[in-house]
């Protein structure tokens, strides 16, 4: 189980989208380049309260909705939109 999105990044699941940093209510996260030029979240431990907001918005967290759930909630009532599970 991941404690923060930094754990997700450390396991190479992060895409560097920055949603976690944008949603962090305590500004404990920033998005910076790593040694490979990829965006990753960087945590300021002094500001983090373990509130879990970052995990709720991260698309790679087990605490957030997956893309199928999001697509269904956003588009299922719109006619002529087709879904392919693959």
N, C-alpha and C. Protein backbone atom coordinates (compact mmCIF):
# COMPACT_ATOMS: atom_id res chain seq x y z
N UNK A 1 0.85 -1.18 0.00
CA UNK A 1 0.00 0.00 0.00
C UNK A 1 0.89 1.24 0.00
N UNK A 2 0.54 2.19 -0.83
CA UNK A 2 1.32 3.42 -0.94
C UNK A 2 0.89 4.42 0.12
N UNK A 3 1.86 5.12 0.71
CA UNK A 3 1.57 6.16 1.69
C UNK A 3 1.37 7.51 1.02
N UNK A 4 2.18 7.81 0.02
CA UNK A 4 2.07 9.06 -0.75
C UNK A 4 2.35 8.77 -2.22
N UNK A 5 2.16 9.77 -3.05
CA UNK A 5 2.45 9.60 -4.48
C UNK A 5 3.94 9.45 -4.74
N UNK A 6 4.77 9.87 -3.82
CA UNK A 6 6.21 9.67 -3.99
C UNK A 6 6.52 8.17 -4.01
N UNK A 7 5.80 7.41 -3.22
CA UNK A 7 5.97 5.95 -3.25
C UNK A 7 5.59 5.40 -4.62
N UNK A 8 4.54 5.95 -5.20
CA UNK A 8 4.11 5.52 -6.55
C UNK A 8 5.20 5.86 -7.57
N UNK A 9 5.78 7.04 -7.46
CA UNK A 9 6.86 7.44 -8.37
C UNK A 9 8.09 6.56 -8.18
N UNK A 10 8.39 6.22 -6.94
CA UNK A 10 9.55 5.37 -6.67
C UNK A 10 9.40 3.97 -7.26
N UNK A 11 8.18 3.54 -7.47
CA UNK A 11 7.92 2.24 -8.08
C UNK A 11 7.73 2.36 -9.60
N UNK A 12 7.99 3.55 -10.14
CA UNK A 12 7.94 3.82 -11.59
C UNK A 12 6.54 3.74 -12.19
N UNK A 13 5.52 4.05 -11.40
CA UNK A 13 4.16 4.10 -11.93
C UNK A 13 3.74 5.51 -12.30
N UNK A 14 4.42 6.52 -11.82
CA UNK A 14 4.04 7.92 -12.01
C UNK A 14 4.26 8.36 -13.45
N UNK A 15 3.29 9.11 -13.99
CA UNK A 15 3.44 9.66 -15.33
C UNK A 15 3.84 11.13 -15.30
N UNK A 16 3.93 11.72 -14.11
CA UNK A 16 4.34 13.11 -13.98
C UNK A 16 3.26 14.10 -14.35
N UNK A 17 2.00 13.72 -14.23
CA UNK A 17 0.89 14.59 -14.65
C UNK A 17 0.76 15.83 -13.78
N UNK A 18 1.15 15.75 -12.50
CA UNK A 18 1.13 16.91 -11.62
C UNK A 18 -0.17 17.17 -10.90
N UNK A 19 -1.16 16.33 -11.09
CA UNK A 19 -2.45 16.54 -10.42
C UNK A 19 -2.28 16.52 -8.91
N UNK A 20 -1.45 15.63 -8.41
CA UNK A 20 -1.23 15.51 -6.96
C UNK A 20 -0.72 16.83 -6.37
N UNK A 21 0.26 17.42 -7.03
CA UNK A 21 0.83 18.68 -6.53
C UNK A 21 -0.19 19.81 -6.62
N UNK A 22 -0.97 19.81 -7.67
CA UNK A 22 -1.99 20.85 -7.83
C UNK A 22 -3.11 20.75 -6.83
N UNK A 23 -3.38 19.54 -6.34
CA UNK A 23 -4.48 19.33 -5.41
C UNK A 23 -4.05 19.30 -3.95
N UNK A 24 -2.79 19.22 -3.67
CA UNK A 24 -2.32 19.13 -2.28
C UNK A 24 -2.71 20.39 -1.51
N UNK A 25 -3.54 20.26 -0.47
CA UNK A 25 -4.02 21.43 0.25
C UNK A 25 -2.94 22.10 1.11
N UNK A 26 -1.81 21.44 1.29
CA UNK A 26 -0.76 21.99 2.14
C UNK A 26 0.51 22.36 1.36
N UNK A 27 0.41 22.30 0.02
CA UNK A 27 1.55 22.59 -0.86
C UNK A 27 2.79 21.78 -0.48
N UNK A 28 2.56 20.54 -0.07
CA UNK A 28 3.66 19.67 0.33
C UNK A 28 4.30 18.97 -0.86
N UNK A 29 3.68 19.05 -2.03
CA UNK A 29 4.21 18.39 -3.21
C UNK A 29 4.55 19.40 -4.29
N UNK A 30 5.63 19.13 -4.97
CA UNK A 30 5.98 19.89 -6.17
C UNK A 30 6.33 18.88 -7.25
N UNK A 31 6.31 19.31 -8.49
CA UNK A 31 6.70 18.45 -9.60
C UNK A 31 8.02 18.97 -10.15
N UNK A 32 8.99 18.09 -10.18
CA UNK A 32 10.34 18.48 -10.62
C UNK A 32 10.88 17.43 -11.58
N UNK A 33 11.92 17.81 -12.30
CA UNK A 33 12.59 16.86 -13.18
C UNK A 33 13.48 15.93 -12.37
N UNK A 34 13.46 14.64 -12.72
CA UNK A 34 14.42 13.72 -12.12
C UNK A 34 15.68 13.69 -12.97
N UNK A 35 16.58 12.77 -12.65
CA UNK A 35 17.87 12.69 -13.37
C UNK A 35 17.73 12.31 -14.83
N UNK A 36 16.54 11.79 -15.22
CA UNK A 36 16.30 11.39 -16.60
C UNK A 36 15.47 12.41 -17.38
N UNK A 37 15.17 13.54 -16.75
CA UNK A 37 14.37 14.56 -17.41
C UNK A 37 12.88 14.29 -17.37
N UNK A 38 12.45 13.41 -16.46
CA UNK A 38 11.04 13.08 -16.31
C UNK A 38 10.47 13.84 -15.12
N UNK A 39 9.21 14.25 -15.23
CA UNK A 39 8.55 14.89 -14.10
C UNK A 39 8.21 13.86 -13.03
N UNK A 40 8.51 14.19 -11.78
CA UNK A 40 8.15 13.34 -10.65
C UNK A 40 7.69 14.21 -9.49
N UNK A 41 6.86 13.67 -8.60
CA UNK A 41 6.47 14.44 -7.42
C UNK A 41 7.60 14.42 -6.38
N UNK A 42 7.80 15.57 -5.76
CA UNK A 42 8.79 15.70 -4.69
C UNK A 42 8.04 16.17 -3.46
N UNK A 43 8.22 15.46 -2.35
CA UNK A 43 7.48 15.72 -1.13
C UNK A 43 8.30 16.52 -0.14
N UNK A 44 7.68 17.57 0.42
CA UNK A 44 8.26 18.31 1.53
C UNK A 44 7.66 17.70 2.80
N UNK A 45 8.43 16.85 3.47
CA UNK A 45 7.93 16.13 4.64
C UNK A 45 7.43 17.06 5.74
N UNK A 46 8.03 18.23 5.84
CA UNK A 46 7.64 19.17 6.90
C UNK A 46 6.23 19.71 6.69
N UNK A 47 5.75 19.72 5.44
CA UNK A 47 4.42 20.24 5.14
C UNK A 47 3.36 19.15 5.01
N UNK A 48 3.78 17.91 4.82
CA UNK A 48 2.84 16.81 4.59
C UNK A 48 2.14 16.41 5.90
N UNK A 49 0.82 16.29 5.82
CA UNK A 49 0.04 15.88 6.99
C UNK A 49 -0.55 14.48 6.82
N UNK A 50 -0.17 13.77 5.76
CA UNK A 50 -0.71 12.44 5.45
C UNK A 50 -2.23 12.48 5.27
N UNK A 51 -2.74 13.56 4.69
CA UNK A 51 -4.19 13.71 4.51
C UNK A 51 -4.74 12.76 3.45
N UNK A 52 -3.88 12.32 2.51
CA UNK A 52 -4.30 11.36 1.50
C UNK A 52 -4.91 11.95 0.24
N UNK A 53 -5.00 13.27 0.13
CA UNK A 53 -5.58 13.87 -1.08
C UNK A 53 -4.78 13.47 -2.31
N UNK A 54 -3.46 13.43 -2.21
CA UNK A 54 -2.64 13.07 -3.37
C UNK A 54 -2.98 11.68 -3.88
N UNK A 55 -3.24 10.76 -2.97
CA UNK A 55 -3.58 9.40 -3.39
C UNK A 55 -4.98 9.30 -3.96
N UNK A 56 -5.87 10.18 -3.54
CA UNK A 56 -7.23 10.16 -4.07
C UNK A 56 -7.30 10.64 -5.51
N UNK A 57 -6.36 11.49 -5.92
CA UNK A 57 -6.39 12.04 -7.27
C UNK A 57 -5.40 11.38 -8.23
N UNK A 58 -4.47 10.61 -7.70
CA UNK A 58 -3.45 9.97 -8.54
C UNK A 58 -4.08 8.83 -9.34
N UNK A 59 -3.92 8.84 -10.67
CA UNK A 59 -4.51 7.77 -11.48
C UNK A 59 -3.86 6.40 -11.27
N UNK A 60 -2.74 6.35 -10.58
CA UNK A 60 -2.05 5.08 -10.35
C UNK A 60 -2.19 4.57 -8.93
N UNK A 61 -2.98 5.25 -8.13
CA UNK A 61 -3.20 4.86 -6.75
C UNK A 61 -4.37 3.89 -6.65
N UNK A 62 -4.29 3.00 -5.70
CA UNK A 62 -5.41 2.10 -5.44
C UNK A 62 -6.58 2.83 -4.78
N UNK A 63 -6.37 4.07 -4.35
CA UNK A 63 -7.40 4.86 -3.68
C UNK A 63 -8.21 5.71 -4.64
N UNK A 64 -7.85 5.72 -5.91
CA UNK A 64 -8.58 6.55 -6.88
C UNK A 64 -9.37 5.66 -7.83
N UNK A 65 -10.29 6.27 -8.53
CA UNK A 65 -11.05 5.54 -9.54
C UNK A 65 -10.15 5.24 -10.73
N UNK A 66 -10.38 4.08 -11.36
CA UNK A 66 -9.59 3.78 -12.54
C UNK A 66 -10.24 4.42 -13.78
N UNK A 67 -9.57 4.32 -14.91
CA UNK A 67 -10.04 5.00 -16.11
C UNK A 67 -11.38 4.49 -16.60
N UNK A 68 -11.69 3.21 -16.35
CA UNK A 68 -13.00 2.70 -16.75
C UNK A 68 -14.11 3.32 -15.91
N UNK A 69 -13.88 3.44 -14.61
CA UNK A 69 -14.88 4.06 -13.73
C UNK A 69 -15.07 5.53 -14.08
N UNK A 70 -13.97 6.22 -14.33
CA UNK A 70 -14.06 7.64 -14.69
C UNK A 70 -14.79 7.82 -16.02
N UNK A 71 -14.43 7.02 -17.01
CA UNK A 71 -15.08 7.12 -18.31
C UNK A 71 -16.56 6.83 -18.23
N UNK A 72 -16.92 5.84 -17.43
CA UNK A 72 -18.34 5.51 -17.28
C UNK A 72 -19.10 6.66 -16.63
N UNK A 73 -18.53 7.24 -15.58
CA UNK A 73 -19.24 8.33 -14.90
C UNK A 73 -19.32 9.59 -15.75
N UNK A 74 -18.34 9.82 -16.61
CA UNK A 74 -18.32 11.02 -17.43
C UNK A 74 -19.11 10.89 -18.73
N UNK A 75 -19.08 9.71 -19.34
CA UNK A 75 -19.58 9.60 -20.70
C UNK A 75 -20.70 8.59 -20.93
N UNK A 76 -21.09 7.83 -19.93
CA UNK A 76 -22.05 6.75 -20.16
C UNK A 76 -23.43 7.25 -20.58
N UNK A 77 -23.78 8.45 -20.24
CA UNK A 77 -25.11 8.97 -20.58
C UNK A 77 -25.13 9.77 -21.89
N UNK A 78 -24.00 9.84 -22.56
CA UNK A 78 -23.90 10.57 -23.82
C UNK A 78 -24.07 9.57 -24.96
N UNK A 79 -25.03 9.85 -25.83
CA UNK A 79 -25.31 8.95 -26.94
C UNK A 79 -24.17 8.82 -27.93
N UNK A 80 -24.09 7.69 -28.58
CA UNK A 80 -23.11 7.39 -29.63
C UNK A 80 -21.66 7.35 -29.16
N UNK A 81 -21.45 7.27 -27.86
CA UNK A 81 -20.09 7.08 -27.36
C UNK A 81 -19.92 5.60 -27.06
N UNK A 82 -18.88 5.01 -27.65
CA UNK A 82 -18.64 3.59 -27.47
C UNK A 82 -17.44 3.37 -26.58
N UNK A 83 -17.48 2.31 -25.84
CA UNK A 83 -16.41 1.99 -24.91
C UNK A 83 -15.75 0.68 -25.34
N UNK A 84 -14.46 0.69 -25.34
CA UNK A 84 -13.67 -0.52 -25.62
C UNK A 84 -12.83 -0.78 -24.39
N UNK A 85 -13.05 -1.90 -23.71
CA UNK A 85 -12.33 -2.17 -22.48
C UNK A 85 -10.83 -2.31 -22.67
N UNK A 86 -10.38 -2.47 -23.90
CA UNK A 86 -8.96 -2.60 -24.17
C UNK A 86 -8.38 -1.29 -24.60
